[in-house]
PDB file of all heavy atoms in Angstrom:
ATOM      1  N   SER A   1      54.531 137.729 105.443  1.00  0.00           N
ATOM      2  CA  SER A   1      55.834 137.823 105.995  1.00  0.00           C
ATOM      3  C   SER A   1      56.141 136.500 106.713  1.00  0.00           C
ATOM      4  O   SER A   1      55.249 135.733 107.102  1.00  0.00           O
ATOM      5  CB  SER A   1      55.933 138.962 107.038  1.00  0.00           C
ATOM      6  OG  SER A   1      55.734 140.195 106.446  1.00  0.00           O
ATOM      7  N   LEU A   2      57.421 136.245 106.893  1.00  0.00           N
ATOM      8  CA  LEU A   2      57.862 135.001 107.509  1.00  0.00           C
ATOM      9  C   LEU A   2      59.248 135.253 108.096  1.00  0.00           C
ATOM     10  O   LEU A   2      60.038 135.993 107.523  1.00  0.00           O
ATOM     11  CB  LEU A   2      57.932 133.868 106.476  1.00  0.00           C
ATOM     12  CG  LEU A   2      57.861 132.444 107.017  1.00  0.00           C
ATOM     13  CD1 LEU A   2      56.542 132.135 107.723  1.00  0.00           C
ATOM     14  CD2 LEU A   2      58.110 131.445 105.882  1.00  0.00           C
ATOM     15  N   LYS A   3      59.497 134.562 109.163  1.00  0.00           N
ATOM     16  CA  LYS A   3      60.824 134.667 109.848  1.00  0.00           C
ATOM     17  C   LYS A   3      61.461 133.297 109.872  1.00  0.00           C
ATOM     18  O   LYS A   3      60.888 132.337 110.305  1.00  0.00           O
ATOM     19  CB  LYS A   3      60.667 135.189 111.271  1.00  0.00           C
ATOM     20  CG  LYS A   3      61.982 135.263 112.072  1.00  0.00           C
ATOM     21  CD  LYS A   3      61.785 135.534 113.507  1.00  0.00           C
ATOM     22  CE  LYS A   3      63.092 135.502 114.284  1.00  0.00           C
ATOM     23  NZ  LYS A   3      62.882 135.768 115.770  1.00  0.00           N
ATOM     24  N   LEU A   4      62.705 133.271 109.379  1.00  0.00           N
ATOM     25  CA  LEU A   4      63.509 132.065 109.440  1.00  0.00           C
ATOM     26  C   LEU A   4      64.593 132.245 110.510  1.00  0.00           C
ATOM     27  O   LEU A   4      65.113 133.362 110.683  1.00  0.00           O
ATOM     28  CB  LEU A   4      64.207 131.781 108.095  1.00  0.00           C
ATOM     29  CG  LEU A   4      63.270 131.629 106.928  1.00  0.00           C
ATOM     30  CD1 LEU A   4      64.091 131.278 105.689  1.00  0.00           C
ATOM     31  CD2 LEU A   4      62.166 130.590 107.151  1.00  0.00           C
ATOM     32  N   SER A   5      64.907 131.190 111.213  1.00  0.00           N
ATOM     33  CA  SER A   5      65.956 131.233 112.226  1.00  0.00           C
ATOM     34  C   SER A   5      66.931 130.115 111.976  1.00  0.00           C
ATOM     35  O   SER A   5      66.676 129.078 111.418  1.00  0.00           O
ATOM     36  CB  SER A   5      65.341 131.085 113.620  1.00  0.00           C
ATOM     37  OG  SER A   5      64.436 132.132 113.894  1.00  0.00           O
ATOM     38  N   CYS A   6      68.179 130.369 112.443  1.00  0.00           N
ATOM     39  CA  CYS A   6      69.211 129.407 112.247  1.00  0.00           C
ATOM     40  C   CYS A   6      70.127 129.449 113.484  1.00  0.00           C
ATOM     41  O   CYS A   6      70.434 130.537 114.016  1.00  0.00           O
ATOM     42  CB  CYS A   6      70.050 129.708 111.003  1.00  0.00           C
ATOM     43  SG  CYS A   6      71.488 128.676 110.746  1.00  0.00           S
ATOM     44  N   ALA A   7      70.596 128.297 113.884  1.00  0.00           N
ATOM     45  CA  ALA A   7      71.520 128.198 114.998  1.00  0.00           C
ATOM     46  C   ALA A   7      72.594 127.158 114.693  1.00  0.00           C
ATOM     47  O   ALA A   7      72.281 126.049 114.185  1.00  0.00           O
ATOM     48  CB  ALA A   7      70.799 127.844 116.269  1.00  0.00           C
ATOM     49  N   ALA A   8      73.802 127.490 115.005  1.00  0.00           N
ATOM     50  CA  ALA A   8      74.916 126.557 114.821  1.00  0.00           C
ATOM     51  C   ALA A   8      75.331 125.981 116.150  1.00  0.00           C
ATOM     52  O   ALA A   8      75.397 126.718 117.161  1.00  0.00           O
ATOM     53  CB  ALA A   8      76.103 127.244 114.129  1.00  0.00           C
ATOM     54  N   SER A   9      75.631 124.691 116.182  1.00  0.00           N
ATOM     55  CA  SER A   9      75.997 124.028 117.378  1.00  0.00           C
ATOM     56  C   SER A   9      77.364 124.428 117.847  1.00  0.00           C
ATOM     57  O   SER A   9      78.191 124.968 117.055  1.00  0.00           O
ATOM     58  CB  SER A   9      75.858 122.525 117.237  1.00  0.00           C
ATOM     59  OG  SER A   9      76.827 122.049 116.313  1.00  0.00           O
ATOM     60  N   GLY A  10      77.674 124.155 119.115  1.00  0.00           N
ATOM     61  CA  GLY A  10      78.952 124.431 119.662  1.00  0.00           C
ATOM     62  C   GLY A  10      78.965 125.537 120.692  1.00  0.00           C
ATOM     63  O   GLY A  10      78.202 126.528 120.532  1.00  0.00           O
ATOM     64  N   THR A  11      79.714 125.334 121.700  1.00  0.00           N
ATOM     65  CA  THR A  11      79.759 126.316 122.790  1.00  0.00           C
ATOM     66  C   THR A  11      80.859 127.340 122.714  1.00  0.00           C
ATOM     67  O   THR A  11      80.814 128.349 123.335  1.00  0.00           O
ATOM     68  CB  THR A  11      79.866 125.593 124.142  1.00  0.00           C
ATOM     69  OG1 THR A  11      81.060 124.795 124.170  1.00  0.00           O
ATOM     70  CG2 THR A  11      78.668 124.706 124.392  1.00  0.00           C
ATOM     71  N   THR A  12      81.835 127.048 121.840  1.00  0.00           N
ATOM     72  CA  THR A  12      82.996 127.935 121.728  1.00  0.00           C
ATOM     73  C   THR A  12      83.347 128.177 120.292  1.00  0.00           C
ATOM     74  O   THR A  12      84.517 128.407 119.930  1.00  0.00           O
ATOM     75  CB  THR A  12      84.228 127.333 122.444  1.00  0.00           C
ATOM     76  OG1 THR A  12      84.505 126.038 121.901  1.00  0.00           O
ATOM     77  CG2 THR A  12      83.971 127.194 123.915  1.00  0.00           C
ATOM     78  N   LEU A  13      82.319 128.254 119.426  1.00  0.00           N
ATOM     79  CA  LEU A  13      82.569 128.467 118.025  1.00  0.00           C
ATOM     80  C   LEU A  13      82.907 129.959 117.793  1.00  0.00           C
ATOM     81  O   LEU A  13      82.323 130.837 118.327  1.00  0.00           O
ATOM     82  CB  LEU A  13      81.382 128.130 117.197  1.00  0.00           C
ATOM     83  CG  LEU A  13      80.961 126.649 117.162  1.00  0.00           C
ATOM     84  CD1 LEU A  13      79.690 126.463 116.397  1.00  0.00           C
ATOM     85  CD2 LEU A  13      82.078 125.824 116.548  1.00  0.00           C
ATOM     86  N   SER A  14      83.905 130.182 116.895  1.00  0.00           N
ATOM     87  CA  SER A  14      84.237 131.469 116.438  1.00  0.00           C
ATOM     88  C   SER A  14      83.777 131.577 114.976  1.00  0.00           C
ATOM     89  O   SER A  14      84.282 130.876 114.104  1.00  0.00           O
ATOM     90  CB  SER A  14      85.687 131.789 116.552  1.00  0.00           C
ATOM     91  OG  SER A  14      86.034 133.127 116.068  1.00  0.00           O
ATOM     92  N   ILE A  15      82.805 132.394 114.702  1.00  0.00           N
ATOM     93  CA  ILE A  15      82.153 132.490 113.413  1.00  0.00           C
ATOM     94  C   ILE A  15      82.418 133.812 112.745  1.00  0.00           C
ATOM     95  O   ILE A  15      82.131 134.858 113.277  1.00  0.00           O
ATOM     96  CB  ILE A  15      80.613 132.235 113.491  1.00  0.00           C
ATOM     97  CG1 ILE A  15      80.411 130.840 114.058  1.00  0.00           C
ATOM     98  CG2 ILE A  15      79.945 132.405 112.157  1.00  0.00           C
ATOM     99  CD1 ILE A  15      78.915 130.503 114.342  1.00  0.00           C
ATOM    100  N   ASN A  16      82.933 133.763 111.527  1.00  0.00           N
ATOM    101  CA  ASN A  16      83.223 135.008 110.776  1.00  0.00           C
ATOM    102  C   ASN A  16      81.965 135.533 110.112  1.00  0.00           C
ATOM    103  O   ASN A  16      81.824 136.791 110.012  1.00  0.00           O
ATOM    104  CB  ASN A  16      84.280 134.726 109.711  1.00  0.00           C
ATOM    105  CG  ASN A  16      85.645 134.650 110.231  1.00  0.00           C
ATOM    106  OD1 ASN A  16      85.900 134.974 111.441  1.00  0.00           O
ATOM    107  ND2 ASN A  16      86.606 134.305 109.413  1.00  0.00           N
ATOM    108  N   ALA A  17      81.097 134.636 109.607  1.00  0.00           N
ATOM    109  CA  ALA A  17      79.947 135.093 108.934  1.00  0.00           C
ATOM    110  C   ALA A  17      78.828 134.015 108.935  1.00  0.00           C
ATOM    111  O   ALA A  17      79.136 132.823 109.018  1.00  0.00           O
ATOM    112  CB  ALA A  17      80.251 135.424 107.495  1.00  0.00           C
ATOM    113  N   MET A  18      77.585 134.460 108.856  1.00  0.00           N
ATOM    114  CA  MET A  18      76.438 133.590 108.798  1.00  0.00           C
ATOM    115  C   MET A  18      75.501 134.226 107.826  1.00  0.00           C
ATOM    116  O   MET A  18      75.460 135.430 107.590  1.00  0.00           O
ATOM    117  CB  MET A  18      75.750 133.397 110.133  1.00  0.00           C
ATOM    118  CG  MET A  18      76.632 132.728 111.178  1.00  0.00           C
ATOM    119  SD  MET A  18      75.658 132.446 112.707  1.00  0.00           S
ATOM    120  CE  MET A  18      74.470 131.205 112.166  1.00  0.00           C
ATOM    121  N   GLY A  19      74.660 133.399 107.195  1.00  0.00           N
ATOM    122  CA  GLY A  19      73.723 133.938 106.251  1.00  0.00           C
ATOM    123  C   GLY A  19      72.810 132.919 105.677  1.00  0.00           C
ATOM    124  O   GLY A  19      72.694 131.820 106.171  1.00  0.00           O
ATOM    125  N   TRP A  20      72.115 133.365 104.582  1.00  0.00           N
ATOM    126  CA  TRP A  20      71.157 132.560 103.980  1.00  0.00           C
ATOM    127  C   TRP A  20      71.317 132.585 102.413  1.00  0.00           C
ATOM    128  O   TRP A  20      71.578 133.591 101.844  1.00  0.00           O
ATOM    129  CB  TRP A  20      69.738 133.102 104.283  1.00  0.00           C
ATOM    130  CG  TRP A  20      69.379 133.064 105.706  1.00  0.00           C
ATOM    131  CD1 TRP A  20      69.647 133.964 106.653  1.00  0.00           C
ATOM    132  CD2 TRP A  20      68.725 131.980 106.407  1.00  0.00           C
ATOM    133  NE1 TRP A  20      69.149 133.541 107.912  1.00  0.00           N
ATOM    134  CE2 TRP A  20      68.574 132.313 107.738  1.00  0.00           C
ATOM    135  CE3 TRP A  20      68.201 130.741 105.996  1.00  0.00           C
ATOM    136  CZ2 TRP A  20      68.011 131.493 108.720  1.00  0.00           C
ATOM    137  CZ3 TRP A  20      67.601 129.915 106.892  1.00  0.00           C
ATOM    138  CH2 TRP A  20      67.519 130.306 108.252  1.00  0.00           C
ATOM    139  N   TYR A  21      71.150 131.425 101.874  1.00  0.00           N
ATOM    140  CA  TYR A  21      71.086 131.219 100.432  1.00  0.00           C
ATOM    141  C   TYR A  21      69.769 130.501 100.147  1.00  0.00           C
ATOM    142  O   TYR A  21      69.170 129.837 101.057  1.00  0.00           O
ATOM    143  CB  TYR A  21      72.227 130.402  99.909  1.00  0.00           C
ATOM    144  CG  TYR A  21      73.580 131.159  99.919  1.00  0.00           C
ATOM    145  CD1 TYR A  21      74.262 131.408 101.101  1.00  0.00           C
ATOM    146  CD2 TYR A  21      74.098 131.658  98.737  1.00  0.00           C
ATOM    147  CE1 TYR A  21      75.453 132.082 101.096  1.00  0.00           C
ATOM    148  CE2 TYR A  21      75.318 132.352  98.765  1.00  0.00           C
ATOM    149  CZ  TYR A  21      75.974 132.562  99.983  1.00  0.00           C
ATOM    150  OH  TYR A  21      77.179 133.262  99.945  1.00  0.00           O
ATOM    151  N   ARG A  22      69.318 130.590  98.944  1.00  0.00           N
ATOM    152  CA  ARG A  22      68.088 129.896  98.595  1.00  0.00           C
ATOM    153  C   ARG A  22      68.235 129.203  97.229  1.00  0.00           C
ATOM    154  O   ARG A  22      68.995 129.642  96.423  1.00  0.00           O
ATOM    155  CB  ARG A  22      66.862 130.778  98.646  1.00  0.00           C
ATOM    156  CG  ARG A  22      66.855 131.852  97.524  1.00  0.00           C
ATOM    157  CD  ARG A  22      65.678 132.791  97.720  1.00  0.00           C
ATOM    158  NE  ARG A  22      65.540 133.785  96.630  1.00  0.00           N
ATOM    159  CZ  ARG A  22      64.711 134.757  96.639  1.00  0.00           C
ATOM    160  NH1 ARG A  22      63.824 134.846  97.635  1.00  0.00           N
ATOM    161  NH2 ARG A  22      64.604 135.590  95.575  1.00  0.00           N
ATOM    162  N   HIS A  23      67.443 128.187  97.038  1.00  0.00           N
ATOM    163  CA  HIS A  23      67.422 127.456  95.781  1.00  0.00           C
ATOM    164  C   HIS A  23      65.971 127.329  95.267  1.00  0.00           C
ATOM    165  O   HIS A  23      65.239 126.413  95.680  1.00  0.00           O
ATOM    166  CB  HIS A  23      68.045 126.056  95.976  1.00  0.00           C
ATOM    167  CG  HIS A  23      68.338 125.357  94.688  1.00  0.00           C
ATOM    168  ND1 HIS A  23      69.054 124.143  94.649  1.00  0.00           N
ATOM    169  CD2 HIS A  23      68.107 125.716  93.435  1.00  0.00           C
ATOM    170  CE1 HIS A  23      69.156 123.782  93.421  1.00  0.00           C
ATOM    171  NE2 HIS A  23      68.620 124.704  92.668  1.00  0.00           N
ATOM    172  N   PRO A  24      65.571 128.297  94.412  1.00  0.00           N
ATOM    173  CA  PRO A  24      64.227 128.194  93.882  1.00  0.00           C
ATOM    174  C   PRO A  24      64.121 126.997  92.903  1.00  0.00           C
ATOM    175  O   PRO A  24      65.124 126.560  92.296  1.00  0.00           O
ATOM    176  CB  PRO A  24      64.082 129.483  93.115  1.00  0.00           C
ATOM    177  CG  PRO A  24      65.182 130.384  93.654  1.00  0.00           C
ATOM    178  CD  PRO A  24      66.261 129.444  93.961  1.00  0.00           C
ATOM    179  N   PRO A  25      62.951 126.470  92.696  1.00  0.00           N
ATOM    180  CA  PRO A  25      62.741 125.339  91.781  1.00  0.00           C
ATOM    181  C   PRO A  25      63.178 125.779  90.384  1.00  0.00           C
ATOM    182  O   PRO A  25      62.775 126.812  89.870  1.00  0.00           O
ATOM    183  CB  PRO A  25      61.223 125.076  91.844  1.00  0.00           C
ATOM    184  CG  PRO A  25      60.817 125.626  93.167  1.00  0.00           C
ATOM    185  CD  PRO A  25      61.694 126.826  93.411  1.00  0.00           C
ATOM    186  N   GLY A  26      64.012 124.955  89.780  1.00  0.00           N
ATOM    187  CA  GLY A  26      64.439 125.181  88.412  1.00  0.00           C
ATOM    188  C   GLY A  26      65.432 126.274  88.252  1.00  0.00           C
ATOM    189  O   GLY A  26      65.746 126.651  87.096  1.00  0.00           O
ATOM    190  N   LYS A  27      65.913 126.857  89.326  1.00  0.00           N
ATOM    191  CA  LYS A  27      66.861 127.951  89.268  1.00  0.00           C
ATOM    192  C   LYS A  27      68.129 127.648  90.030  1.00  0.00           C
ATOM    193  O   LYS A  27      68.169 126.726  90.842  1.00  0.00           O
ATOM    194  CB  LYS A  27      66.244 129.248  89.761  1.00  0.00           C
ATOM    195  CG  LYS A  27      65.013 129.720  88.939  1.00  0.00           C
ATOM    196  CD  LYS A  27      64.505 131.029  89.496  1.00  0.00           C
ATOM    197  CE  LYS A  27      63.320 131.520  88.728  1.00  0.00           C
ATOM    198  NZ  LYS A  27      62.747 132.798  89.246  1.00  0.00           N
ATOM    199  N   GLN A  28      69.162 128.457  89.831  1.00  0.00           N
ATOM    200  CA  GLN A  28      70.400 128.316  90.523  1.00  0.00           C
ATOM    201  C   GLN A  28      70.357 128.826  91.948  1.00  0.00           C
ATOM    202  O   GLN A  28      69.597 129.798  92.230  1.00  0.00           O
ATOM    203  CB  GLN A  28      71.538 128.940  89.728  1.00  0.00           C
ATOM    204  CG  GLN A  28      72.890 128.690  90.255  1.00  0.00           C
ATOM    205  CD  GLN A  28      73.981 129.319  89.350  1.00  0.00           C
ATOM    206  OE1 GLN A  28      73.659 129.959  88.319  1.00  0.00           O
ATOM    207  NE2 GLN A  28      75.235 129.137  89.669  1.00  0.00           N
ATOM    208  N   ARG A  29      71.065 128.250  92.817  1.00  0.00           N
ATOM    209  CA  ARG A  29      71.180 128.740  94.147  1.00  0.00           C
ATOM    210  C   ARG A  29      71.704 130.176  94.167  1.00  0.00           C
ATOM    211  O   ARG A  29      72.614 130.498  93.413  1.00  0.00           O
ATOM    212  CB  ARG A  29      72.079 127.860  95.037  1.00  0.00           C
ATOM    213  CG  ARG A  29      72.367 128.403  96.450  1.00  0.00           C
ATOM    214  CD  ARG A  29      73.293 127.510  97.229  1.00  0.00           C
ATOM    215  NE  ARG A  29      72.671 126.260  97.653  1.00  0.00           N
ATOM    216  CZ  ARG A  29      73.195 125.319  98.367  1.00  0.00           C
ATOM    217  NH1 ARG A  29      74.482 125.455  98.735  1.00  0.00           N
ATOM    218  NH2 ARG A  29      72.583 124.246  98.706  1.00  0.00           N
ATOM    219  N   GLU A  30      71.119 131.004  94.975  1.00  0.00           N
ATOM    220  CA  GLU A  30      71.489 132.431  95.019  1.00  0.00           C
ATOM    221  C   GLU A  30      71.611 132.935  96.419  1.00  0.00           C
ATOM    222  O   GLU A  30      71.046 132.422  97.371  1.00  0.00           O
ATOM    223  CB  GLU A  30      70.443 133.265  94.237  1.00  0.00           C
ATOM    224  CG  GLU A  30      69.060 133.262  94.855  1.00  0.00           C
ATOM    225  CD  GLU A  30      68.077 134.039  94.064  1.00  0.00           C
ATOM    226  OE1 GLU A  30      68.385 134.425  92.941  1.00  0.00           O
ATOM    227  OE2 GLU A  30      66.928 134.234  94.562  1.00  0.00           O
ATOM    228  N   LEU A  31      72.396 133.981  96.571  1.00  0.00           N
ATOM    229  CA  LEU A  31      72.573 134.667  97.832  1.00  0.00           C
ATOM    230  C   LEU A  31      71.272 135.344  98.207  1.00  0.00           C
ATOM    231  O   LEU A  31      70.620 136.007  97.405  1.00  0.00           O
ATOM    232  CB  LEU A  31      73.719 135.714  97.722  1.00  0.00           C
ATOM    233  CG  LEU A  31      73.810 136.712  98.865  1.00  0.00           C
ATOM    234  CD1 LEU A  31      74.332 135.967 100.123  1.00  0.00           C
ATOM    235  CD2 LEU A  31      74.709 137.855  98.478  1.00  0.00           C
ATOM    236  N   VAL A  32      70.920 135.227  99.482  1.00  0.00           N
ATOM    237  CA  VAL A  32      69.830 135.954 100.078  1.00  0.00           C
ATOM    238  C   VAL A  32      70.373 137.080 100.917  1.00  0.00           C
ATOM    239  O   VAL A  32      70.140 138.265 100.641  1.00  0.00           O
ATOM    240  CB  VAL A  32      68.903 135.083 100.906  1.00  0.00           C
ATOM    241  CG1 VAL A  32      67.752 135.906 101.507  1.00  0.00           C
ATOM    242  CG2 VAL A  32      68.324 133.965 100.010  1.00  0.00           C
ATOM    243  N   ALA A  33      71.124 136.761 101.937  1.00  0.00           N
ATOM    244  CA  ALA A  33      71.655 137.700 102.861  1.00  0.00           C
ATOM    245  C   ALA A  33      72.771 137.106 103.712  1.00  0.00           C
ATOM    246  O   ALA A  33      72.726 135.946 104.048  1.00  0.00           O
ATOM    247  CB  ALA A  33      70.628 138.357 103.722  1.00  0.00           C
TER     248      ALA A  33
END
């Protein structure tokens, strides 16, 4: 198992959505979550 974390800068940001995509070697970028 592994945990990834992400943070966006800004003190007053209004964000509709956040998530993760990945790009495996030799494959197309795909939605993760």
